Amino acid sequence: MPSNDVVPHRASDSAARTAAEVWLRSFATALPTVRCGHDEAEVHDRFARVLVARYETWVADTRRRMVGLLVLDG
């Protein structure tokens, strides 16, 4: 697989930290003037304990890094 191919897959528990980092970077880039209602530790905790653990969470990876995420509820 070339390094720029994107591969979606169901997130494992070990992906929670990286998924939280992707979300934090995305939030900061998309909404640079908006203050996030949660600090980084809270976002990491929520991804680990709630989003990846309890919901259907998908991530998109290249060979080099995670480039996207999706959390489904229902």
N, C-alpha and C. Protein backbone atom coordinates (compact mmCIF):
# COMPACT_ATOMS: atom_id res chain seq x y z
N MET A 1 0.85 -1.18 0.00
CA MET A 1 0.00 0.00 0.00
C MET A 1 0.89 1.24 0.00
N PRO A 2 0.65 2.16 -0.93
CA PRO A 2 1.41 3.42 -0.88
C PRO A 2 1.14 4.17 0.41
N SER A 3 2.08 4.99 0.84
CA SER A 3 1.98 5.66 2.14
C SER A 3 0.84 6.66 2.22
N ASN A 4 0.27 7.10 1.08
CA ASN A 4 -0.81 8.06 1.14
C ASN A 4 -2.19 7.43 1.05
N ASP A 5 -2.30 6.11 0.94
CA ASP A 5 -3.59 5.44 0.96
C ASP A 5 -4.20 5.55 2.35
N VAL A 6 -5.48 5.84 2.41
CA VAL A 6 -6.18 5.96 3.69
C VAL A 6 -6.97 4.67 3.92
N VAL A 7 -6.78 4.09 5.10
CA VAL A 7 -7.43 2.84 5.44
C VAL A 7 -8.33 3.06 6.66
N PRO A 8 -9.66 2.98 6.46
CA PRO A 8 -10.56 3.11 7.61
C PRO A 8 -10.68 1.77 8.33
N HIS A 9 -10.80 1.82 9.66
CA HIS A 9 -11.00 0.60 10.43
C HIS A 9 -11.56 0.97 11.80
N ARG A 10 -12.15 -0.02 12.44
CA ARG A 10 -12.71 0.18 13.77
C ARG A 10 -11.58 0.46 14.75
N ALA A 11 -11.76 1.45 15.60
CA ALA A 11 -10.72 1.83 16.56
C ALA A 11 -10.60 0.81 17.67
N SER A 12 -9.39 0.52 18.04
CA SER A 12 -9.12 -0.32 19.21
C SER A 12 -8.91 0.59 20.41
N ASP A 13 -8.92 0.01 21.59
CA ASP A 13 -8.68 0.81 22.80
C ASP A 13 -7.36 1.56 22.73
N SER A 14 -6.37 0.95 22.10
CA SER A 14 -5.06 1.58 22.02
C SER A 14 -5.04 2.80 21.10
N ALA A 15 -6.07 2.98 20.28
CA ALA A 15 -6.14 4.13 19.36
C ALA A 15 -6.75 5.37 20.02
N ALA A 16 -7.28 5.23 21.23
CA ALA A 16 -8.00 6.34 21.86
C ALA A 16 -7.14 7.58 22.04
N ARG A 17 -5.91 7.42 22.46
CA ARG A 17 -5.05 8.58 22.69
C ARG A 17 -4.78 9.34 21.38
N THR A 18 -4.45 8.61 20.33
CA THR A 18 -4.18 9.24 19.05
C THR A 18 -5.45 9.87 18.49
N ALA A 19 -6.59 9.22 18.64
CA ALA A 19 -7.86 9.78 18.17
C ALA A 19 -8.16 11.10 18.89
N ALA A 20 -7.90 11.14 20.17
CA ALA A 20 -8.10 12.39 20.92
C ALA A 20 -7.20 13.49 20.40
N GLU A 21 -5.95 13.15 20.07
CA GLU A 21 -5.02 14.14 19.51
C GLU A 21 -5.52 14.66 18.17
N VAL A 22 -6.04 13.76 17.32
CA VAL A 22 -6.59 14.18 16.03
C VAL A 22 -7.76 15.13 16.26
N TRP A 23 -8.63 14.79 17.19
CA TRP A 23 -9.79 15.65 17.48
C TRP A 23 -9.34 17.02 17.98
N LEU A 24 -8.39 17.04 18.90
CA LEU A 24 -7.90 18.31 19.44
C LEU A 24 -7.28 19.19 18.35
N ARG A 25 -6.47 18.60 17.48
CA ARG A 25 -5.87 19.36 16.38
C ARG A 25 -6.95 19.87 15.42
N SER A 26 -7.93 19.03 15.13
CA SER A 26 -9.01 19.42 14.22
C SER A 26 -9.82 20.57 14.79
N PHE A 27 -10.14 20.49 16.08
CA PHE A 27 -10.90 21.55 16.73
C PHE A 27 -10.13 22.86 16.67
N ALA A 28 -8.86 22.81 17.01
CA ALA A 28 -8.04 24.03 17.02
C ALA A 28 -7.90 24.63 15.63
N THR A 29 -7.83 23.78 14.62
CA THR A 29 -7.69 24.27 13.24
C THR A 29 -9.01 24.82 12.71
N ALA A 30 -10.09 24.12 12.96
CA ALA A 30 -11.40 24.52 12.43
C ALA A 30 -11.98 25.72 13.17
N LEU A 31 -11.71 25.82 14.45
CA LEU A 31 -12.31 26.86 15.28
C LEU A 31 -11.24 27.58 16.10
N PRO A 32 -10.33 28.26 15.45
CA PRO A 32 -9.19 28.84 16.17
C PRO A 32 -9.56 29.91 17.20
N THR A 33 -10.71 30.52 17.06
CA THR A 33 -11.09 31.58 18.00
C THR A 33 -12.07 31.09 19.06
N VAL A 34 -12.41 29.81 19.03
CA VAL A 34 -13.36 29.25 20.00
C VAL A 34 -12.60 28.50 21.08
N ARG A 35 -12.93 28.79 22.32
CA ARG A 35 -12.31 28.10 23.45
C ARG A 35 -12.98 26.74 23.61
N CYS A 36 -12.19 25.69 23.65
CA CYS A 36 -12.72 24.34 23.87
C CYS A 36 -13.25 24.25 25.29
N GLY A 37 -14.39 23.63 25.47
CA GLY A 37 -15.00 23.53 26.78
C GLY A 37 -14.33 22.52 27.71
N HIS A 38 -13.35 21.79 27.20
CA HIS A 38 -12.66 20.76 27.99
C HIS A 38 -11.16 20.90 27.78
N ASP A 39 -10.39 20.64 28.84
CA ASP A 39 -8.94 20.67 28.66
C ASP A 39 -8.48 19.36 28.01
N GLU A 40 -7.22 19.32 27.61
CA GLU A 40 -6.70 18.15 26.89
C GLU A 40 -6.87 16.85 27.67
N ALA A 41 -6.63 16.90 28.97
CA ALA A 41 -6.75 15.68 29.79
C ALA A 41 -8.19 15.17 29.77
N GLU A 42 -9.16 16.06 29.83
CA GLU A 42 -10.57 15.66 29.79
C GLU A 42 -10.93 15.04 28.44
N VAL A 43 -10.41 15.61 27.36
CA VAL A 43 -10.68 15.06 26.03
C VAL A 43 -10.07 13.66 25.93
N HIS A 44 -8.84 13.49 26.37
CA HIS A 44 -8.20 12.17 26.33
C HIS A 44 -8.99 11.16 27.17
N ASP A 45 -9.42 11.57 28.34
CA ASP A 45 -10.19 10.68 29.21
C ASP A 45 -11.51 10.28 28.56
N ARG A 46 -12.20 11.23 27.95
CA ARG A 46 -13.48 10.93 27.31
C ARG A 46 -13.31 9.98 26.13
N PHE A 47 -12.27 10.17 25.34
CA PHE A 47 -12.04 9.25 24.24
C PHE A 47 -11.77 7.84 24.76
N ALA A 48 -10.96 7.73 25.79
CA ALA A 48 -10.59 6.40 26.32
C ALA A 48 -11.75 5.72 27.05
N ARG A 49 -12.44 6.46 27.91
CA ARG A 49 -13.47 5.83 28.74
C ARG A 49 -14.85 5.77 28.11
N VAL A 50 -15.13 6.68 27.18
CA VAL A 50 -16.49 6.75 26.64
C VAL A 50 -16.53 6.48 25.14
N LEU A 51 -15.89 7.32 24.34
CA LEU A 51 -16.09 7.24 22.90
C LEU A 51 -15.59 5.94 22.29
N VAL A 52 -14.33 5.60 22.50
CA VAL A 52 -13.80 4.36 21.91
C VAL A 52 -14.34 3.14 22.67
N ALA A 53 -14.49 3.25 23.96
CA ALA A 53 -14.93 2.11 24.77
C ALA A 53 -16.41 1.76 24.58
N ARG A 54 -17.27 2.75 24.37
CA ARG A 54 -18.71 2.49 24.37
C ARG A 54 -19.41 2.70 23.04
N TYR A 55 -18.82 3.47 22.14
CA TYR A 55 -19.46 3.77 20.87
C TYR A 55 -18.68 3.14 19.72
N GLU A 56 -19.36 3.06 18.59
CA GLU A 56 -18.70 2.56 17.39
C GLU A 56 -17.80 3.67 16.85
N THR A 57 -16.52 3.51 17.06
CA THR A 57 -15.55 4.53 16.68
C THR A 57 -14.67 3.99 15.57
N TRP A 58 -14.58 4.75 14.50
CA TRP A 58 -13.76 4.40 13.35
C TRP A 58 -12.66 5.43 13.19
N VAL A 59 -11.51 4.97 12.75
CA VAL A 59 -10.39 5.87 12.45
C VAL A 59 -9.91 5.61 11.03
N ALA A 60 -9.26 6.59 10.47
CA ALA A 60 -8.67 6.46 9.14
C ALA A 60 -7.17 6.68 9.28
N ASP A 61 -6.41 5.70 8.82
CA ASP A 61 -4.96 5.75 8.95
C ASP A 61 -4.29 5.68 7.59
N THR A 62 -3.14 6.31 7.49
CA THR A 62 -2.20 6.03 6.42
C THR A 62 -1.13 5.17 7.08
N ARG A 63 -0.15 4.78 6.36
CA ARG A 63 0.94 4.02 6.99
C ARG A 63 1.66 4.85 8.04
N ARG A 64 1.58 6.17 7.89
CA ARG A 64 2.36 7.06 8.75
C ARG A 64 1.60 7.56 9.97
N ARG A 65 0.28 7.79 9.82
CA ARG A 65 -0.44 8.40 10.95
C ARG A 65 -1.94 8.31 10.79
N MET A 66 -2.64 8.59 11.88
CA MET A 66 -4.09 8.66 11.86
C MET A 66 -4.47 10.01 11.28
N VAL A 67 -5.41 10.01 10.33
CA VAL A 67 -5.78 11.25 9.66
C VAL A 67 -7.25 11.63 9.82
N GLY A 68 -8.03 10.78 10.47
CA GLY A 68 -9.44 11.11 10.65
C GLY A 68 -10.11 10.17 11.63
N LEU A 69 -11.31 10.55 12.07
CA LEU A 69 -12.06 9.71 12.98
C LEU A 69 -13.55 9.98 12.84
N LEU A 70 -14.34 9.01 13.26
CA LEU A 70 -15.80 9.10 13.22
C LEU A 70 -16.34 8.31 14.40
N VAL A 71 -17.25 8.91 15.15
CA VAL A 71 -17.87 8.23 16.27
C VAL A 71 -19.37 8.13 15.98
N LEU A 72 -19.90 6.91 15.98
CA LEU A 72 -21.31 6.67 15.69
C LEU A 72 -22.07 6.31 16.96
N ASP A 73 -23.25 6.84 17.08
CA ASP A 73 -24.12 6.54 18.22
C ASP A 73 -25.44 6.04 17.66
N GLY A 74 -25.63 4.73 17.69
CA GLY A 74 -26.88 4.14 17.19
C GLY A 74 -26.88 3.82 15.74
